[in-house]
Amino acid sequence: MLFIIYIFTINVFASTNTHILKTMYVIVFAFIVLNMILTKIPIHLGVFIFILLAFVLINFLSTYWSLEPNYAFIRSITLMQMLIMLTIFYSYFHYTKDEEVFINAFILSGFATYGYLVYYYGIDEMFNFSKRLPSDLMNSNLIGMNAAFSALSCIYAVLKSKKIVKYFILLIPMLAVIFKSASRKALICLVLGAIFYILFYIWDTKKLMSTIIKIFVFIIILVVAINIANIILPNNIAYTRFNSMISYIDDGTDIDTSTYIRMRMIEAGLDMFINSPIVGIGADNPKIYVTNYGIRSTYLHNNYVELLAGLGIIGFTLYYSLYIYLIVKVWPMVKKKDALAGFAFIIMILNLILDYGAVSYFSYMTYIYFIFALCVVTKDNANQYNISYDIIE
């Protein structure tokens, strides 16, 4: 239950009330460490954690060549907290072998988030889909993306447990949050995730034609459902923003201010990378230089470009080696139709896609997903890829 509350806290307070988030972090962390000490659960170290450690170290080292060392140092401290959290949480959940607790946490925290949004903004505001969700509580994109992953967790639970009514009831509020947030990344995450699920569950090379027909039917149903939603909710901001993005991709027209600024950020970040390609200009320092392009001081809204600009090819390679490690380890399990491995694989692929439009390398939820995927890929080989140290020694 504490873990579910912690995920809920991340969903709601990660960007606006760090005091509540840090308090909840300390409570959950202390509970898990105490539990590990009392039950003598060992700490598990392995390749993944050592790669993450190297990534944290390059962030710390970047303080020496940063224009603003304090920015780099603060970002490094945050990442060190992530490393400690990942090591302890992974060791605990790896030992308990209860990977399904993550699915329950994603679903219930998503449902609780909707309840809190209704309480905070009121029913009238939450059902007014012509206006985007305000960002005074938390960034609307982050709320939307977290809701999308919660919705995908519901779809996973439906396909595995066949309890359609139960999880459909839980799914509806999450879809409402996604539409209210008007986050294009959340909509992409939901649509692509659903498609990936269908591919995972129905793909059969022995019945190729039947599989293709099923995929085609699913795409038609999806398109019809989107259009029906637009009819039921006329002038909804989510459809307008998504249609604007499609128009821009299709012929470069109908570009909105948000898309234009993001393209300028990418241009600025690539210029920074070209000027310092090996080690970058320093962690969290791109926000200083981006003002030279007429953009307010902020991160670059593209994880790939943010890492290349801030930490160069070294930091970029170290961070995405984490994804490569997990994907390489989980793929053999996916081919065996392991449902949980399929879900972990889909989360990793979606995060890689979404990184084009978001900076995620210092996000709490990114490391929660890492913990989940790491528990999945090591669930059947407890000692093969890990070095164990007793926490009380």
Protein backbone atom coordinates (compact mmCIF):
# COMPACT_ATOMS: atom_id res chain seq x y z
CA MET A 1 0.00 0.00 0.00
CA LEU A 2 2.86 2.40 0.82
CA PHE A 3 4.34 1.77 -2.62
CA ILE A 4 1.02 2.62 -4.27
CA ILE A 5 0.81 5.85 -2.28
CA TYR A 6 4.38 6.67 -3.31
CA ILE A 7 3.55 6.22 -7.03
CA PHE A 8 0.46 8.40 -6.52
CA THR A 9 2.64 11.06 -4.87
CA ILE A 10 5.01 11.02 -7.85
CA ASN A 11 2.08 11.33 -10.26
CA VAL A 12 0.63 14.37 -8.53
CA PHE A 13 3.39 16.24 -6.70
CA ALA A 14 6.64 15.52 -8.58
CA SER A 15 6.90 18.96 -10.20
CA THR A 16 5.04 21.28 -7.82
CA ASN A 17 5.38 20.04 -4.23
CA THR A 18 8.73 18.36 -3.81
CA HIS A 19 8.42 18.56 0.00
CA ILE A 20 5.52 16.08 -0.01
CA LEU A 21 7.32 13.88 -2.53
CA LYS A 22 10.57 13.81 -0.53
CA THR A 23 8.68 13.09 2.69
CA MET A 24 6.90 10.16 1.08
CA TYR A 25 10.21 8.97 -0.41
CA VAL A 26 11.85 8.93 3.03
CA ILE A 27 8.90 7.03 4.58
CA VAL A 28 8.81 4.34 1.87
CA PHE A 29 12.60 4.10 1.73
CA ALA A 30 12.85 3.72 5.52
CA PHE A 31 10.10 1.09 5.56
CA ILE A 32 11.78 -1.01 2.86
CA VAL A 33 15.26 -0.72 4.41
CA LEU A 34 13.89 -1.70 7.84
CA ASN A 35 12.09 -4.64 6.26
CA MET A 36 15.30 -5.69 4.50
CA ILE A 37 17.27 -5.54 7.74
CA LEU A 38 14.68 -7.52 9.73
CA THR A 39 14.30 -10.20 7.07
CA LYS A 40 17.99 -10.14 6.05
CA ILE A 41 17.27 -9.33 2.41
CA PRO A 42 20.57 -8.86 0.54
CA ILE A 43 21.42 -5.94 -1.73
CA HIS A 44 21.72 -7.03 -5.36
CA LEU A 45 24.23 -5.31 -7.60
CA GLY A 46 24.77 -6.02 -11.26
CA VAL A 47 25.65 -4.66 -14.68
CA PHE A 48 22.65 -2.33 -14.84
CA ILE A 49 23.41 -0.65 -11.52
CA PHE A 50 27.09 -0.22 -12.38
CA ILE A 51 26.15 1.44 -15.69
CA LEU A 52 23.80 3.76 -13.82
CA LEU A 53 26.56 4.53 -11.32
CA ALA A 54 28.87 5.50 -14.19
CA PHE A 55 26.14 7.78 -15.57
CA VAL A 56 25.73 9.47 -12.17
CA LEU A 57 29.50 9.97 -11.94
CA ILE A 58 29.71 11.68 -15.35
CA ASN A 59 27.01 14.06 -14.13
CA PHE A 60 29.09 14.88 -11.05
CA LEU A 61 32.24 15.29 -13.14
CA SER A 62 30.47 17.72 -15.45
CA THR A 63 30.47 20.28 -12.61
CA TYR A 64 34.15 20.90 -13.50
CA TRP A 65 33.41 22.15 -17.01
CA SER A 66 29.91 23.58 -16.55
CA LEU A 67 29.18 27.28 -16.87
CA GLU A 68 26.92 26.87 -13.82
CA PRO A 69 28.43 24.06 -11.68
CA ASN A 70 25.62 24.41 -9.15
CA TYR A 71 23.03 23.34 -11.75
CA ALA A 72 25.08 20.26 -12.59
CA PHE A 73 25.65 19.44 -8.92
CA ILE A 74 21.95 19.66 -8.02
CA ARG A 75 21.04 17.45 -10.99
CA SER A 76 23.75 14.97 -9.92
CA ILE A 77 22.37 14.80 -6.38
CA THR A 78 18.92 14.03 -7.80
CA LEU A 79 20.38 11.22 -9.90
CA MET A 80 22.30 9.87 -6.92
CA GLN A 81 18.98 9.66 -5.06
CA MET A 82 17.56 7.76 -8.04
CA LEU A 83 20.50 5.34 -7.95
CA ILE A 84 20.04 4.65 -4.23
CA MET A 85 16.28 4.28 -4.66
CA LEU A 86 16.69 1.90 -7.59
CA THR A 87 19.28 -0.24 -5.78
CA ILE A 88 17.22 -0.64 -2.62
CA PHE A 89 13.80 -0.98 -4.26
CA TYR A 90 15.12 -3.44 -6.85
CA SER A 91 16.83 -5.56 -4.17
CA TYR A 92 13.61 -5.69 -2.16
CA PHE A 93 11.19 -6.50 -4.99
CA HIS A 94 13.67 -8.87 -6.62
CA TYR A 95 13.81 -10.84 -3.36
CA THR A 96 10.03 -10.87 -2.82
CA LYS A 97 9.51 -11.88 -6.50
CA ASP A 98 6.26 -9.92 -6.65
CA GLU A 99 6.57 -8.09 -9.96
CA GLU A 100 2.78 -7.87 -10.27
CA VAL A 101 2.78 -5.34 -7.42
CA PHE A 102 4.01 -2.79 -9.95
CA ILE A 103 0.97 -3.37 -12.17
CA ASN A 104 -1.38 -2.89 -9.22
CA ALA A 105 0.53 0.23 -8.16
CA PHE A 106 0.33 1.76 -11.65
CA ILE A 107 -3.42 1.07 -11.90
CA LEU A 108 -4.50 2.12 -8.41
CA SER A 109 -2.26 5.21 -8.35
CA GLY A 110 -3.75 6.27 -11.70
CA PHE A 111 -7.27 5.84 -10.33
CA ALA A 112 -6.35 7.75 -7.16
CA THR A 113 -4.83 10.55 -9.25
CA TYR A 114 -8.14 11.07 -11.04
CA GLY A 115 -9.96 11.18 -7.71
CA TYR A 116 -7.57 13.80 -6.39
CA LEU A 117 -7.90 15.90 -9.58
CA VAL A 118 -11.69 15.87 -9.21
CA TYR A 119 -11.31 16.93 -5.58
CA TYR A 120 -8.79 19.67 -6.45
CA TYR A 121 -10.40 21.17 -9.56
CA GLY A 122 -14.04 20.13 -9.14
CA ILE A 123 -16.27 17.95 -11.30
CA ASP A 124 -17.29 20.76 -13.67
CA GLU A 125 -13.68 21.58 -14.56
CA MET A 126 -12.70 17.93 -15.02
CA PHE A 127 -15.60 17.35 -17.43
CA ASN A 128 -14.90 20.48 -19.46
CA PHE A 129 -12.80 18.95 -22.25
CA SER A 130 -12.66 22.18 -24.26
CA LYS A 131 -10.07 23.50 -21.80
CA ARG A 132 -6.74 21.89 -21.02
CA LEU A 133 -5.94 20.71 -17.49
CA PRO A 134 -4.21 23.58 -15.60
CA SER A 135 -0.56 23.08 -14.64
CA ASP A 136 -0.68 24.65 -11.18
CA LEU A 137 -0.84 21.24 -9.49
CA MET A 138 1.51 19.41 -11.86
CA ASN A 139 2.63 19.66 -15.47
CA SER A 140 -0.36 18.52 -17.55
CA ASN A 141 1.89 16.53 -19.90
CA LEU A 142 3.31 14.53 -17.00
CA ILE A 143 -0.14 13.84 -15.56
CA GLY A 144 -1.33 12.72 -19.00
CA MET A 145 1.65 10.45 -19.61
CA ASN A 146 1.36 8.85 -16.17
CA ALA A 147 -2.35 8.28 -16.83
CA ALA A 148 -1.48 6.68 -20.19
CA PHE A 149 0.85 4.16 -18.54
CA SER A 150 -1.81 3.47 -15.89
CA ALA A 151 -4.32 2.86 -18.70
CA LEU A 152 -1.92 0.47 -20.42
CA SER A 153 -1.52 -1.35 -17.11
CA CYS A 154 -5.31 -1.79 -17.08
CA ILE A 155 -5.22 -3.20 -20.61
CA TYR A 156 -2.49 -5.62 -19.53
CA ALA A 157 -4.61 -6.71 -16.54
CA VAL A 158 -7.67 -7.23 -18.77
CA LEU A 159 -5.78 -9.38 -21.27
CA LYS A 160 -4.18 -11.46 -18.53
CA SER A 161 -7.02 -11.83 -16.02
CA LYS A 162 -10.00 -11.50 -18.41
CA LYS A 163 -11.77 -9.41 -15.73
CA ILE A 164 -13.08 -6.95 -18.31
CA VAL A 165 -15.73 -5.12 -16.23
CA LYS A 166 -13.48 -4.52 -13.23
CA TYR A 167 -10.57 -3.03 -15.16
CA PHE A 168 -12.78 -1.22 -17.66
CA ILE A 169 -14.28 0.73 -14.74
CA LEU A 170 -10.77 1.60 -13.58
CA LEU A 171 -9.75 2.49 -17.15
CA ILE A 172 -12.42 5.15 -17.79
CA PRO A 173 -11.07 7.76 -15.31
CA MET A 174 -7.57 7.35 -16.75
CA LEU A 175 -8.85 7.99 -20.28
CA ALA A 176 -10.62 11.08 -18.95
CA VAL A 177 -7.34 12.37 -17.49
CA ILE A 178 -5.54 11.76 -20.79
CA PHE A 179 -8.14 13.73 -22.77
CA LYS A 180 -8.28 16.48 -20.15
CA SER A 181 -4.49 16.84 -20.12
CA ALA A 182 -4.55 17.22 -23.94
CA SER A 183 -1.05 15.76 -23.93
CA ARG A 184 -0.06 14.61 -27.41
CA LYS A 185 2.63 12.39 -25.90
CA ALA A 186 0.02 10.72 -23.69
CA LEU A 187 -2.26 10.06 -26.68
CA ILE A 188 0.66 8.66 -28.69
CA CYS A 189 1.66 6.50 -25.72
CA LEU A 190 -1.88 5.13 -25.36
CA VAL A 191 -2.41 4.44 -29.07
CA LEU A 192 1.02 2.90 -29.72
CA GLY A 193 0.89 0.94 -26.48
CA ALA A 194 -2.49 -0.54 -27.42
CA ILE A 195 -1.16 -1.47 -30.88
CA PHE A 196 1.94 -3.08 -29.36
CA TYR A 197 -0.28 -5.09 -27.00
CA ILE A 198 -2.34 -6.41 -29.90
CA LEU A 199 0.81 -7.34 -31.80
CA PHE A 200 2.20 -9.11 -28.74
CA TYR A 201 -0.93 -11.12 -28.00
CA ILE A 202 -2.16 -12.04 -31.48
CA TRP A 203 1.00 -12.17 -33.60
CA ASP A 204 1.43 -15.67 -34.98
CA THR A 205 3.80 -16.29 -37.91
CA LYS A 206 2.06 -19.61 -38.54
CA LYS A 207 -1.22 -17.77 -39.17
CA LEU A 208 0.18 -14.65 -40.81
CA MET A 209 -2.87 -13.69 -42.91
CA SER A 210 -5.24 -14.12 -39.97
CA THR A 211 -2.94 -11.99 -37.80
CA ILE A 212 -2.76 -9.20 -40.40
CA ILE A 213 -6.57 -9.15 -40.70
CA LYS A 214 -6.92 -8.89 -36.91
CA ILE A 215 -4.46 -5.99 -36.79
CA PHE A 216 -6.29 -4.24 -39.64
CA VAL A 217 -9.64 -4.66 -37.85
CA PHE A 218 -8.12 -3.31 -34.63
CA ILE A 219 -6.79 -0.19 -36.40
CA ILE A 220 -10.23 0.44 -37.93
CA ILE A 221 -11.88 0.10 -34.51
CA LEU A 222 -9.30 2.49 -33.04
CA VAL A 223 -9.89 5.13 -35.73
CA VAL A 224 -13.67 4.83 -35.34
CA ALA A 225 -13.37 5.09 -31.54
CA ILE A 226 -11.28 8.28 -31.80
CA ASN A 227 -13.82 9.88 -34.13
CA ILE A 228 -16.73 8.84 -31.92
CA ALA A 229 -14.93 10.41 -28.94
CA ASN A 230 -14.57 13.62 -30.92
CA ILE A 231 -18.31 13.60 -31.72
CA ILE A 232 -19.26 12.96 -28.10
CA LEU A 233 -16.81 15.61 -26.91
CA PRO A 234 -17.00 18.36 -29.58
CA ASN A 235 -14.26 20.99 -29.60
CA ASN A 236 -12.16 18.99 -27.18
CA ILE A 237 -8.67 20.42 -26.86
CA ALA A 238 -6.97 17.00 -27.03
CA TYR A 239 -8.28 16.30 -30.54
CA THR A 240 -7.36 19.81 -31.69
CA ARG A 241 -3.77 19.53 -30.45
CA PHE A 242 -3.33 16.03 -31.84
CA ASN A 243 -4.74 17.05 -35.22
CA SER A 244 -2.33 20.01 -35.29
CA MET A 245 0.61 17.66 -34.78
CA ILE A 246 -0.59 15.33 -37.55
CA SER A 247 -0.99 18.26 -39.95
CA TYR A 248 2.55 19.42 -39.22
CA ILE A 249 4.00 15.93 -39.76
CA ASP A 250 1.97 15.50 -42.95
CA ASP A 251 2.78 18.74 -44.78
CA GLY A 252 4.47 21.14 -42.36
CA THR A 253 1.36 23.30 -41.98
CA ASP A 254 -0.76 24.26 -38.98
CA ILE A 255 2.23 24.35 -36.65
CA ASP A 256 1.34 25.65 -33.20
CA THR A 257 3.53 27.72 -30.88
CA SER A 258 4.44 24.74 -28.70
CA THR A 259 5.69 22.69 -31.65
CA TYR A 260 7.66 25.63 -33.06
CA ILE A 261 9.42 26.26 -29.73
CA ARG A 262 10.30 22.57 -29.38
CA MET A 263 11.85 22.53 -32.85
CA ARG A 264 13.92 25.58 -31.90
CA MET A 265 15.03 23.82 -28.72
CA ILE A 266 16.27 20.85 -30.73
CA GLU A 267 18.18 23.19 -33.03
CA ALA A 268 19.76 24.93 -30.02
CA GLY A 269 20.67 21.64 -28.33
CA LEU A 270 22.33 20.23 -31.43
CA ASP A 271 24.41 23.40 -31.75
CA MET A 272 25.57 22.93 -28.15
CA PHE A 273 26.44 19.29 -28.87
CA ILE A 274 28.49 20.22 -31.95
CA ASN A 275 30.48 22.70 -29.86
CA SER A 276 31.24 20.10 -27.17
CA PRO A 277 30.49 16.62 -28.53
CA ILE A 278 32.46 14.39 -26.12
CA VAL A 279 31.44 15.51 -22.63
CA GLY A 280 28.85 18.22 -23.34
CA ILE A 281 28.46 21.60 -21.67
CA GLY A 282 27.44 20.23 -18.26
CA ALA A 283 24.41 18.56 -16.72
CA ASP A 284 21.33 20.82 -16.67
CA ASN A 285 23.36 23.61 -18.32
CA PRO A 286 21.58 23.62 -21.73
CA LYS A 287 18.85 25.75 -20.15
CA ILE A 288 21.42 28.55 -19.80
CA TYR A 289 22.41 28.61 -23.47
CA VAL A 290 18.90 28.09 -24.86
CA THR A 291 18.05 31.70 -23.96
CA ASN A 292 20.37 32.76 -26.80
CA TYR A 293 17.73 31.39 -29.18
CA GLY A 294 14.94 33.56 -27.82
CA ILE A 295 13.57 30.77 -25.61
CA ARG A 296 13.00 30.97 -21.86
CA SER A 297 15.46 29.16 -19.62
CA THR A 298 14.23 25.56 -19.49
CA TYR A 299 15.23 22.02 -20.38
CA LEU A 300 15.13 21.14 -24.07
CA HIS A 301 11.98 18.95 -24.07
CA ASN A 302 13.89 16.20 -25.91
CA ASN A 303 15.81 13.66 -23.84
CA TYR A 304 18.18 12.71 -26.67
CA VAL A 305 19.16 16.30 -27.38
CA GLU A 306 19.28 17.25 -23.68
CA LEU A 307 21.77 14.47 -22.97
CA LEU A 308 23.87 15.13 -26.06
CA ALA A 309 24.05 18.85 -25.25
CA GLY A 310 24.62 18.48 -21.51
CA LEU A 311 26.74 15.33 -21.24
CA GLY A 312 27.96 14.69 -24.77
CA ILE A 313 28.28 11.34 -26.43
CA ILE A 314 29.67 9.77 -23.21
CA GLY A 315 26.65 10.62 -21.05
CA PHE A 316 24.26 9.85 -23.90
CA THR A 317 25.79 6.40 -24.44
CA LEU A 318 25.86 5.53 -20.74
CA TYR A 319 22.21 6.45 -20.22
CA TYR A 320 20.83 4.64 -23.25
CA SER A 321 22.98 1.61 -22.44
CA LEU A 322 20.49 1.10 -19.60
CA TYR A 323 17.70 0.65 -22.14
CA ILE A 324 19.84 -1.55 -24.38
CA TYR A 325 20.66 -3.81 -21.43
CA LEU A 326 17.02 -4.22 -20.42
CA ILE A 327 15.74 -4.75 -23.96
CA VAL A 328 18.43 -7.34 -24.76
CA LYS A 329 17.62 -9.23 -21.55
CA VAL A 330 13.84 -9.08 -21.88
CA TRP A 331 13.59 -9.94 -25.60
CA PRO A 332 14.12 -13.73 -25.21
CA MET A 333 11.31 -13.73 -22.64
CA VAL A 334 9.07 -11.75 -25.01
CA LYS A 335 9.61 -14.37 -27.74
CA LYS A 336 8.38 -16.98 -25.26
CA LYS A 337 5.15 -14.97 -24.84
CA ASP A 338 5.85 -14.06 -21.21
CA ALA A 339 3.06 -11.52 -20.56
CA LEU A 340 4.91 -9.55 -17.89
CA ALA A 341 8.05 -9.40 -20.03
CA GLY A 342 5.92 -8.19 -22.94
CA PHE A 343 4.57 -5.38 -20.77
CA ALA A 344 8.07 -4.40 -19.60
CA PHE A 345 9.30 -4.44 -23.21
CA ILE A 346 6.42 -2.20 -24.33
CA ILE A 347 7.15 0.30 -21.54
CA MET A 348 10.82 0.48 -22.54
CA ILE A 349 10.00 1.00 -26.24
CA LEU A 350 7.35 3.62 -25.47
CA ASN A 351 9.74 5.55 -23.24
CA LEU A 352 12.33 5.55 -26.03
CA ILE A 353 9.72 6.95 -28.42
CA LEU A 354 8.43 9.52 -25.94
CA ASP A 355 11.96 10.70 -25.17
CA TYR A 356 11.79 12.63 -28.43
CA GLY A 357 9.29 14.99 -26.81
CA ALA A 358 10.23 14.88 -23.13
CA VAL A 359 13.26 14.97 -20.84
CA SER A 360 13.00 11.84 -18.70
CA TYR A 361 16.46 10.99 -17.42
CA PHE A 362 15.84 12.65 -14.04
CA SER A 363 12.17 11.65 -13.72
CA TYR A 364 11.17 9.53 -10.73
CA MET A 365 8.77 7.47 -12.83
CA THR A 366 11.53 6.61 -15.32
CA TYR A 367 13.45 4.87 -12.55
CA ILE A 368 10.32 3.16 -11.22
CA TYR A 369 9.88 1.69 -14.73
CA PHE A 370 13.55 0.69 -14.70
CA ILE A 371 13.06 -1.11 -11.37
CA PHE A 372 10.03 -2.94 -12.72
CA ALA A 373 11.80 -4.02 -15.93
CA LEU A 374 14.93 -5.04 -14.01
CA CYS A 375 12.86 -7.20 -11.64
CA VAL A 376 11.20 -8.85 -14.65
CA VAL A 377 14.42 -9.67 -16.52
CA THR A 378 16.08 -11.14 -13.42
CA LYS A 379 13.10 -12.96 -11.94
CA ASP A 380 14.21 -16.38 -13.22
CA ASN A 381 17.95 -15.96 -12.68
CA ALA A 382 18.31 -14.62 -9.18
CA ASN A 383 22.03 -15.22 -8.92
CA GLN A 384 23.19 -15.23 -12.54
CA TYR A 385 23.56 -11.49 -13.08
CA ASN A 386 23.81 -10.18 -9.53
CA ILE A 387 26.33 -9.82 -6.71
CA SER A 388 24.62 -9.97 -3.33
CA TYR A 389 25.67 -8.13 -0.19
CA ASP A 390 23.88 -8.55 3.11
CA ILE A 391 22.54 -5.15 4.14
CA ILE A 392 23.42 -5.70 7.81
CA GLU A 393 27.04 -6.61 7.18
